[in-house]
């Protein structure tokens, strides 16, 4: 009953945040369009129609066509699949790895904690985008490599976040009671400490997804992400930059999509952070 009351308070607190609700609504629409892309896209995003290249927005092509005559709206809808998929997979991979390592380091301490923190500090010492570009240049430009690289580069943030919470929790009374009752270290970590450390990870994930989407767009703009003719927002901006004065809609619409999704995730993250913060909740 107490758990249900707490969940009710969290939901009410979140619903009071209008920007958070608006961000969540926009993201639900984007997710729905990504899942239903074959049914919502008016045209095949890969179909070339050179006779109608550089067509301005009309009723036939609501957002116009690109330099190959491909429908921009259809490519944006299919591009949302790649951006959202990469953002979610990167955060799940980095969050899972970072949470596991941070939990072990924070609870066990000793040489493991010392070694992990040194690795984390080394990772943070390198500029994020420079490190990602260097690794992608070695592995080769494609979406799968981007997911691996972004996940490997982002896990130190989650490891340090979880470790700090585990250090604060491992001395709590309920942990001492569980230890006195003979509970193993694995049980204490998984049953008592990990559940109480997940809230900041969930909140951080809502900010990690837009960062991954922005990184994907940046790599796509540089030609190191999704390769043509794959519809990806960053690659669409890169392809349209040569025609920015002739046909500005080629970069306007994918730029708007990137900005809208990133802002929506940030608004959602702010709303979740306020709702899950006990000090901010009001009955």
Protein backbone atom coordinates (compact mmCIF):
# COMPACT_ATOMS: atom_id res chain seq x y z
CA UNK A 1 0.00 0.00 0.00
CA UNK A 2 2.86 2.36 0.85
CA UNK A 3 4.45 1.61 -2.51
CA UNK A 4 1.20 2.41 -4.32
CA UNK A 5 0.86 5.69 -2.43
CA UNK A 6 4.42 6.64 -3.32
CA UNK A 7 3.85 5.86 -7.00
CA UNK A 8 0.68 7.97 -6.91
CA UNK A 9 2.61 10.89 -5.47
CA UNK A 10 5.30 10.55 -8.15
CA UNK A 11 2.70 10.49 -10.95
CA UNK A 12 0.89 13.54 -9.55
CA UNK A 13 4.17 15.42 -9.15
CA UNK A 14 5.14 14.62 -12.74
CA UNK A 15 1.76 15.65 -14.14
CA UNK A 16 2.12 19.04 -12.46
CA UNK A 17 5.20 19.67 -14.62
CA UNK A 18 3.72 20.92 -17.89
CA UNK A 19 6.98 20.91 -19.79
CA UNK A 20 7.68 17.34 -18.68
CA UNK A 21 4.23 16.21 -19.83
CA UNK A 22 4.66 18.08 -23.13
CA UNK A 23 8.06 16.46 -23.68
CA UNK A 24 6.68 13.01 -22.93
CA UNK A 25 3.77 13.58 -25.31
CA UNK A 26 6.09 14.63 -28.16
CA UNK A 27 8.30 11.59 -27.55
CA UNK A 28 5.27 9.27 -27.60
CA UNK A 29 4.30 10.73 -30.97
CA UNK A 30 7.86 10.24 -32.27
CA UNK A 31 7.94 6.69 -30.95
CA UNK A 32 4.58 5.93 -32.55
CA UNK A 33 5.70 7.34 -35.90
CA UNK A 34 8.92 5.28 -35.71
CA UNK A 35 7.02 2.08 -34.99
CA UNK A 36 4.40 2.76 -37.67
CA UNK A 37 6.82 4.19 -40.25
CA UNK A 38 5.81 1.79 -43.07
CA UNK A 39 2.17 2.85 -42.62
CA UNK A 40 2.70 6.59 -42.02
CA UNK A 41 5.40 7.39 -44.59
CA UNK A 42 3.70 8.51 -47.81
CA UNK A 43 6.59 7.33 -50.01
CA UNK A 44 9.47 4.90 -50.05
CA UNK A 45 12.33 6.84 -48.40
CA UNK A 46 14.85 5.24 -50.78
CA UNK A 47 12.96 5.76 -54.06
CA UNK A 48 14.74 8.12 -56.46
CA UNK A 49 12.72 10.56 -58.54
CA UNK A 50 15.20 12.88 -60.25
CA UNK A 51 12.45 14.52 -62.25
CA UNK A 52 11.05 16.01 -59.00
CA UNK A 53 14.35 16.83 -57.26
CA UNK A 54 14.53 20.01 -55.15
CA UNK A 55 10.79 20.33 -55.12
CA UNK A 56 9.48 22.86 -52.61
CA UNK A 57 6.85 21.79 -50.05
CA UNK A 58 3.55 21.03 -51.77
CA UNK A 59 0.45 18.98 -51.01
CA UNK A 60 2.08 16.06 -52.83
CA UNK A 61 5.32 16.36 -50.85
CA UNK A 62 4.46 18.17 -47.63
CA UNK A 63 8.09 18.91 -46.71
CA UNK A 64 9.52 18.92 -50.21
CA UNK A 65 12.04 16.59 -51.83
CA UNK A 66 15.82 16.35 -51.64
CA UNK A 67 18.46 16.49 -54.37
CA UNK A 68 17.55 12.96 -55.50
CA UNK A 69 13.80 13.57 -55.50
CA UNK A 70 13.23 11.53 -52.35
CA UNK A 71 10.36 12.61 -50.10
CA UNK A 72 11.81 14.43 -47.06
CA UNK A 73 8.86 13.63 -44.76
CA UNK A 74 9.20 9.90 -45.43
CA UNK A 75 12.94 10.04 -44.76
CA UNK A 76 12.37 11.95 -41.51
CA UNK A 77 9.87 9.35 -40.32
CA UNK A 78 12.22 6.48 -41.08
CA UNK A 79 15.14 8.46 -39.67
CA UNK A 80 13.38 8.64 -36.30
CA UNK A 81 13.76 4.87 -36.08
CA UNK A 82 17.55 5.08 -36.25
CA UNK A 83 17.89 8.04 -33.89
CA UNK A 84 15.61 6.66 -31.18
CA UNK A 85 17.00 3.14 -31.51
CA UNK A 86 20.60 4.29 -31.20
CA UNK A 87 19.78 6.58 -28.27
CA UNK A 88 17.97 3.86 -26.30
CA UNK A 89 20.43 1.05 -27.07
CA UNK A 90 23.44 3.21 -26.18
CA UNK A 91 21.92 4.20 -22.84
CA UNK A 92 20.85 0.63 -22.01
CA UNK A 93 24.33 -0.69 -22.84
CA UNK A 94 26.26 2.09 -21.09
CA UNK A 95 23.84 2.22 -18.15
CA UNK A 96 23.90 -1.54 -17.56
CA UNK A 97 27.69 -1.78 -17.75
CA UNK A 98 28.27 1.34 -15.68
CA UNK A 99 25.69 0.35 -13.05
CA UNK A 100 27.20 -3.12 -12.61
CA UNK A 101 30.77 -1.83 -12.30
CA UNK A 102 29.77 1.08 -10.08
CA UNK A 103 27.83 -1.26 -7.78
CA UNK A 104 30.78 -3.63 -7.41
CA UNK A 105 33.31 -0.85 -6.91
CA UNK A 106 31.21 1.05 -4.39
CA UNK A 107 30.25 -1.96 -2.30
CA UNK A 108 33.45 -4.01 -2.39
CA UNK A 109 35.89 -1.09 -2.40
CA UNK A 110 39.61 -1.88 -2.17
CA UNK A 111 41.74 -2.39 -5.27
CA UNK A 112 38.68 -2.84 -7.51
CA UNK A 113 37.32 0.57 -6.57
CA UNK A 114 40.73 2.18 -6.96
CA UNK A 115 41.36 0.62 -10.39
CA UNK A 116 37.88 1.44 -11.70
CA UNK A 117 38.08 5.08 -10.64
CA UNK A 118 41.44 5.46 -12.35
CA UNK A 119 39.95 4.08 -15.57
CA UNK A 120 36.99 6.46 -15.22
CA UNK A 121 39.31 9.43 -14.74
CA UNK A 122 41.32 8.46 -17.83
CA UNK A 123 38.12 8.24 -19.89
CA UNK A 124 36.96 11.66 -18.70
CA UNK A 125 40.36 13.16 -19.52
CA UNK A 126 39.76 12.76 -23.27
CA UNK A 127 37.39 15.12 -25.16
CA UNK A 128 34.23 13.14 -25.82
CA UNK A 129 33.71 13.82 -29.51
CA UNK A 130 37.41 13.60 -30.37
CA UNK A 131 37.64 10.17 -28.71
CA UNK A 132 34.51 8.94 -30.49
CA UNK A 133 35.72 10.17 -33.89
CA UNK A 134 39.11 8.55 -33.41
CA UNK A 135 37.60 5.15 -32.54
CA UNK A 136 35.04 5.30 -35.36
CA UNK A 137 37.79 6.17 -37.82
CA UNK A 138 39.57 2.94 -36.81
CA UNK A 139 36.51 0.65 -36.69
CA UNK A 140 34.75 2.08 -39.72
CA UNK A 141 31.64 4.27 -40.10
CA UNK A 142 28.34 2.49 -39.56
CA UNK A 143 25.49 2.54 -37.05
CA UNK A 144 26.54 -0.63 -35.20
CA UNK A 145 30.03 0.73 -34.54
CA UNK A 146 28.52 4.03 -33.41
CA UNK A 147 26.40 2.17 -30.82
CA UNK A 148 29.39 0.24 -29.49
CA UNK A 149 31.61 3.30 -29.32
CA UNK A 150 29.04 5.58 -27.67
CA UNK A 151 28.22 2.87 -25.14
CA UNK A 152 31.88 2.30 -24.26
CA UNK A 153 32.53 6.03 -23.98
CA UNK A 154 29.46 6.75 -21.80
CA UNK A 155 29.62 3.94 -19.21
CA UNK A 156 32.09 5.78 -16.89
CA UNK A 157 29.44 8.43 -16.14
CA UNK A 158 26.95 5.81 -14.90
CA UNK A 159 29.66 3.95 -12.99
CA UNK A 160 30.66 7.04 -11.05
CA UNK A 161 27.03 7.99 -10.43
CA UNK A 162 26.08 4.57 -9.05
CA UNK A 163 29.29 4.25 -7.02
CA UNK A 164 28.57 7.52 -5.20
CA UNK A 165 25.10 6.32 -4.21
CA UNK A 166 26.34 2.88 -3.18
CA UNK A 167 28.94 4.46 -0.89
CA UNK A 168 26.14 6.38 0.82
CA UNK A 169 23.87 3.32 1.10
CA UNK A 170 26.21 0.55 2.21
CA UNK A 171 26.41 1.94 5.75
CA UNK A 172 22.64 2.25 6.23
CA UNK A 173 20.89 0.39 9.04
CA UNK A 174 18.93 -1.98 6.81
CA UNK A 175 22.15 -3.06 5.09
CA UNK A 176 23.79 -3.72 8.47
CA UNK A 177 20.74 -5.73 9.57
CA UNK A 178 20.83 -7.81 6.38
CA UNK A 179 24.53 -8.45 6.90
CA UNK A 180 23.95 -9.43 10.54
CA UNK A 181 21.26 -11.90 9.46
CA UNK A 182 23.82 -13.67 7.28
CA UNK A 183 22.83 -12.32 3.87
CA UNK A 184 25.55 -12.74 1.26
CA UNK A 185 27.22 -9.77 -0.42
CA UNK A 186 25.49 -10.62 -3.70
CA UNK A 187 22.06 -10.64 -2.05
CA UNK A 188 22.71 -7.37 -0.25
CA UNK A 189 23.84 -5.69 -3.45
CA UNK A 190 20.99 -6.99 -5.62
CA UNK A 191 18.11 -6.87 -3.13
CA UNK A 192 18.90 -3.91 -0.89
CA UNK A 193 21.38 -1.54 -2.52
CA UNK A 194 20.75 -1.78 -6.28
CA UNK A 195 16.99 -0.97 -6.17
CA UNK A 196 17.71 2.16 -4.12
CA UNK A 197 20.42 3.25 -6.56
CA UNK A 198 18.36 3.02 -9.75
CA UNK A 199 16.40 6.26 -9.43
CA UNK A 200 19.34 8.55 -10.36
CA UNK A 201 20.24 6.14 -13.18
CA UNK A 202 16.73 6.37 -14.64
CA UNK A 203 16.81 10.16 -14.47
CA UNK A 204 20.30 10.29 -15.97
CA UNK A 205 19.16 8.00 -18.80
CA UNK A 206 16.55 10.54 -19.93
CA UNK A 207 19.41 12.99 -20.43
CA UNK A 208 21.75 10.34 -21.88
CA UNK A 209 19.43 9.44 -24.75
CA UNK A 210 19.37 12.95 -26.28
CA UNK A 211 23.16 13.17 -25.86
CA UNK A 212 23.49 9.93 -27.83
CA UNK A 213 21.10 11.25 -30.50
CA UNK A 214 23.14 14.46 -30.79
CA UNK A 215 26.37 12.44 -31.02
CA UNK A 216 24.84 10.27 -33.75
CA UNK A 217 23.72 13.39 -35.64
CA UNK A 218 27.19 14.93 -35.31
CA UNK A 219 28.85 11.76 -36.58
CA UNK A 220 26.32 11.52 -39.39
CA UNK A 221 27.07 15.12 -40.35
CA UNK A 222 30.79 14.25 -40.48
CA UNK A 223 30.11 11.15 -42.55
CA UNK A 224 31.05 8.76 -39.73
CA UNK A 225 27.56 7.57 -38.79
CA UNK A 226 24.84 6.04 -40.93
CA UNK A 227 25.97 5.79 -44.53
CA UNK A 228 23.95 6.83 -47.62
CA UNK A 229 21.27 6.16 -48.61
CA UNK A 230 20.17 5.35 -45.02
CA UNK A 231 17.77 8.06 -43.81
CA UNK A 232 19.35 9.54 -40.67
CA UNK A 233 18.78 13.10 -39.46
CA UNK A 234 22.44 14.10 -39.10
CA UNK A 235 23.32 12.65 -42.49
CA UNK A 236 20.36 14.51 -44.02
CA UNK A 237 21.69 17.79 -42.61
CA UNK A 238 25.11 16.98 -44.02
CA UNK A 239 23.70 16.16 -47.46
CA UNK A 240 21.65 19.36 -47.52
CA UNK A 241 24.37 21.78 -46.43
CA UNK A 242 25.58 22.17 -50.01
CA UNK A 243 22.16 23.53 -50.98
CA UNK A 244 21.51 25.64 -47.88
CA UNK A 245 20.86 28.85 -49.86
CA UNK A 246 19.17 27.19 -52.80
CA UNK A 247 16.83 24.84 -50.87
CA UNK A 248 17.01 25.57 -47.13
CA UNK A 249 14.30 23.03 -46.25
CA UNK A 250 16.79 20.22 -46.90
CA UNK A 251 18.51 21.03 -43.58
CA UNK A 252 15.67 22.85 -41.82
CA UNK A 253 13.38 19.89 -41.25
CA UNK A 254 15.95 17.35 -39.98
CA UNK A 255 17.42 20.12 -37.79
CA UNK A 256 13.99 20.82 -36.33
CA UNK A 257 13.48 17.10 -35.64
CA UNK A 258 16.82 16.82 -33.82
CA UNK A 259 16.14 19.93 -31.73
CA UNK A 260 12.57 18.89 -30.91
CA UNK A 261 13.49 15.37 -29.77
CA UNK A 262 16.47 16.57 -27.71
CA UNK A 263 14.42 19.29 -26.01
CA UNK A 264 11.58 16.83 -25.33
CA UNK A 265 13.94 14.38 -23.63
CA UNK A 266 15.42 17.20 -21.55
CA UNK A 267 11.96 18.37 -20.48
CA UNK A 268 11.00 14.78 -19.65
CA UNK A 269 14.18 14.34 -17.63
CA UNK A 270 13.56 17.53 -15.67
CA UNK A 271 10.02 16.40 -14.91
CA UNK A 272 11.12 12.95 -13.78
CA UNK A 273 13.91 14.38 -11.64
CA UNK A 274 11.51 16.70 -9.84
CA UNK A 275 8.87 13.98 -9.45
CA UNK A 276 11.32 11.42 -8.04
CA UNK A 277 12.96 13.90 -5.65
CA UNK A 278 11.27 13.43 -2.25
CA UNK A 279 12.10 17.01 -1.28
CA UNK A 280 10.14 18.33 -4.27
CA UNK A 281 7.04 16.17 -3.77
CA UNK A 282 3.92 17.63 -2.23
CA UNK A 283 0.94 15.59 -1.15
